[in-house]
Amino acid sequence: MKDINDILPKIPNMRWGALMNKAPTNDKVREMNKIFPHNGKWHTVFEEKDQVTIDGKQIWKKDPKKWT
């Protein structure tokens, strides 16, 4: 499987890029600014009801009120 950075174009002065399955909200973009390094690389972000997959890593969505 090819790396996404080999396929998608390099954009001058781009901090990072994300290929997503849903359009991002302003809050989601602020959150991704904290997550992704400013190195101009592309990332894959697939958001589902109970999980988010970022660059092939699965992250479960949990309600903080239910944490023990």
C-alpha atoms as a PDB file:
ATOM      1  CA  MET A   1       0.000   0.000   0.000  1.00  0.00           C
ATOM      2  CA  LYS A   2       1.316   3.443  -0.933  1.00  0.00           C
ATOM      3  CA  ASP A   3       1.823   6.214   1.587  1.00  0.00           C
ATOM      4  CA  ILE A   4      -0.719   9.030   1.270  1.00  0.00           C
ATOM      5  CA  ASN A   5       2.145  11.535   1.065  1.00  0.00           C
ATOM      6  CA  ASP A   6       3.368   9.862  -2.153  1.00  0.00           C
ATOM      7  CA  ILE A   7      -0.050  10.405  -3.796  1.00  0.00           C
ATOM      8  CA  LEU A   8      -1.397  13.765  -2.624  1.00  0.00           C
ATOM      9  CA  PRO A   9       0.241  16.989  -3.827  1.00  0.00           C
ATOM     10  CA  LYS A  10       2.733  19.017  -1.853  1.00  0.00           C
ATOM     11  CA  ILE A  11       1.292  22.457  -1.111  1.00  0.00           C
ATOM     12  CA  PRO A  12       3.674  25.339  -0.278  1.00  0.00           C
ATOM     13  CA  ASN A  13       3.380  26.668   3.299  1.00  0.00           C
ATOM     14  CA  MET A  14       0.939  23.896   4.302  1.00  0.00           C
ATOM     15  CA  ARG A  15       1.206  23.021   7.999  1.00  0.00           C
ATOM     16  CA  TRP A  16      -0.542  19.651   7.588  1.00  0.00           C
ATOM     17  CA  GLY A  17      -3.340  18.134   5.508  1.00  0.00           C
ATOM     18  CA  ALA A  18      -6.062  15.627   6.258  1.00  0.00           C
ATOM     19  CA  LEU A  19      -8.062  13.346   4.009  1.00  0.00           C
ATOM     20  CA  MET A  20     -11.341  12.908   5.898  1.00  0.00           C
ATOM     21  CA  ASN A  21     -14.633  11.077   5.432  1.00  0.00           C
ATOM     22  CA  LYS A  22     -16.606  14.023   6.921  1.00  0.00           C
ATOM     23  CA  ALA A  23     -16.227  17.770   6.544  1.00  0.00           C
ATOM     24  CA  PRO A  24     -14.405  19.173   9.596  1.00  0.00           C
ATOM     25  CA  THR A  25     -15.904  21.730  11.950  1.00  0.00           C
ATOM     26  CA  ASN A  26     -13.877  24.668  13.278  1.00  0.00           C
ATOM     27  CA  ASP A  27     -13.499  22.861  16.623  1.00  0.00           C
ATOM     28  CA  LYS A  28     -12.220  19.729  14.860  1.00  0.00           C
ATOM     29  CA  VAL A  29      -9.618  21.773  12.940  1.00  0.00           C
ATOM     30  CA  ARG A  30      -8.418  23.371  16.213  1.00  0.00           C
ATOM     31  CA  GLU A  31      -8.132  19.900  17.759  1.00  0.00           C
ATOM     32  CA  MET A  32      -6.161  18.573  14.764  1.00  0.00           C
ATOM     33  CA  ASN A  33      -3.835  21.611  14.959  1.00  0.00           C
ATOM     34  CA  LYS A  34      -2.863  20.346  18.417  1.00  0.00           C
ATOM     35  CA  ILE A  35      -2.453  16.719  17.262  1.00  0.00           C
ATOM     36  CA  PHE A  36      -0.562  16.986  13.968  1.00  0.00           C
ATOM     37  CA  PRO A  37       2.973  18.360  13.670  1.00  0.00           C
ATOM     38  CA  HIS A  38       3.474  21.315  11.338  1.00  0.00           C
ATOM     39  CA  ASN A  39       5.606  19.395   8.853  1.00  0.00           C
ATOM     40  CA  GLY A  40       3.441  19.625   5.709  1.00  0.00           C
ATOM     41  CA  LYS A  41       2.432  15.951   5.700  1.00  0.00           C
ATOM     42  CA  TRP A  42      -0.989  14.530   4.860  1.00  0.00           C
ATOM     43  CA  HIS A  43      -2.963  12.356   7.311  1.00  0.00           C
ATOM     44  CA  THR A  44      -6.027  10.130   6.974  1.00  0.00           C
ATOM     45  CA  VAL A  45      -8.857  10.749   9.458  1.00  0.00           C
ATOM     46  CA  PHE A  46     -11.941   8.525   9.368  1.00  0.00           C
ATOM     47  CA  GLU A  47     -14.575   9.394  11.945  1.00  0.00           C
ATOM     48  CA  GLU A  48     -17.277   6.927  12.922  1.00  0.00           C
ATOM     49  CA  LYS A  49     -19.933   6.873  15.630  1.00  0.00           C
ATOM     50  CA  ASP A  50     -17.823   5.261  18.366  1.00  0.00           C
ATOM     51  CA  GLN A  51     -14.255   5.623  17.082  1.00  0.00           C
ATOM     52  CA  VAL A  52     -11.833   7.717  15.043  1.00  0.00           C
ATOM     53  CA  THR A  53      -9.092   6.199  12.914  1.00  0.00           C
ATOM     54  CA  ILE A  54      -6.075   8.481  12.397  1.00  0.00           C
ATOM     55  CA  ASP A  55      -3.324   7.194  10.098  1.00  0.00           C
ATOM     56  CA  GLY A  56      -4.459   3.611  10.737  1.00  0.00           C
ATOM     57  CA  LYS A  57      -4.523   3.971  14.541  1.00  0.00           C
ATOM     58  CA  GLN A  58      -7.907   3.356  16.182  1.00  0.00           C
ATOM     59  CA  ILE A  59      -9.023   5.768  18.915  1.00  0.00           C
ATOM     60  CA  TRP A  60     -12.219   4.993  20.825  1.00  0.00           C
ATOM     61  CA  LYS A  61     -14.583   7.821  21.706  1.00  0.00           C
ATOM     62  CA  LYS A  62     -15.412   7.677  25.402  1.00  0.00           C
ATOM     63  CA  ASP A  63     -17.636   9.881  27.529  1.00  0.00           C
ATOM     64  CA  PRO A  64     -15.391  11.543  30.167  1.00  0.00           C
ATOM     65  CA  LYS A  65     -18.274  11.452  32.665  1.00  0.00           C
ATOM     66  CA  LYS A  66     -18.155   7.642  32.569  1.00  0.00           C
ATOM     67  CA  TRP A  67     -14.418   7.393  33.295  1.00  0.00           C
ATOM     68  CA  THR A  68     -13.521   5.910  36.674  1.00  0.00           C
END
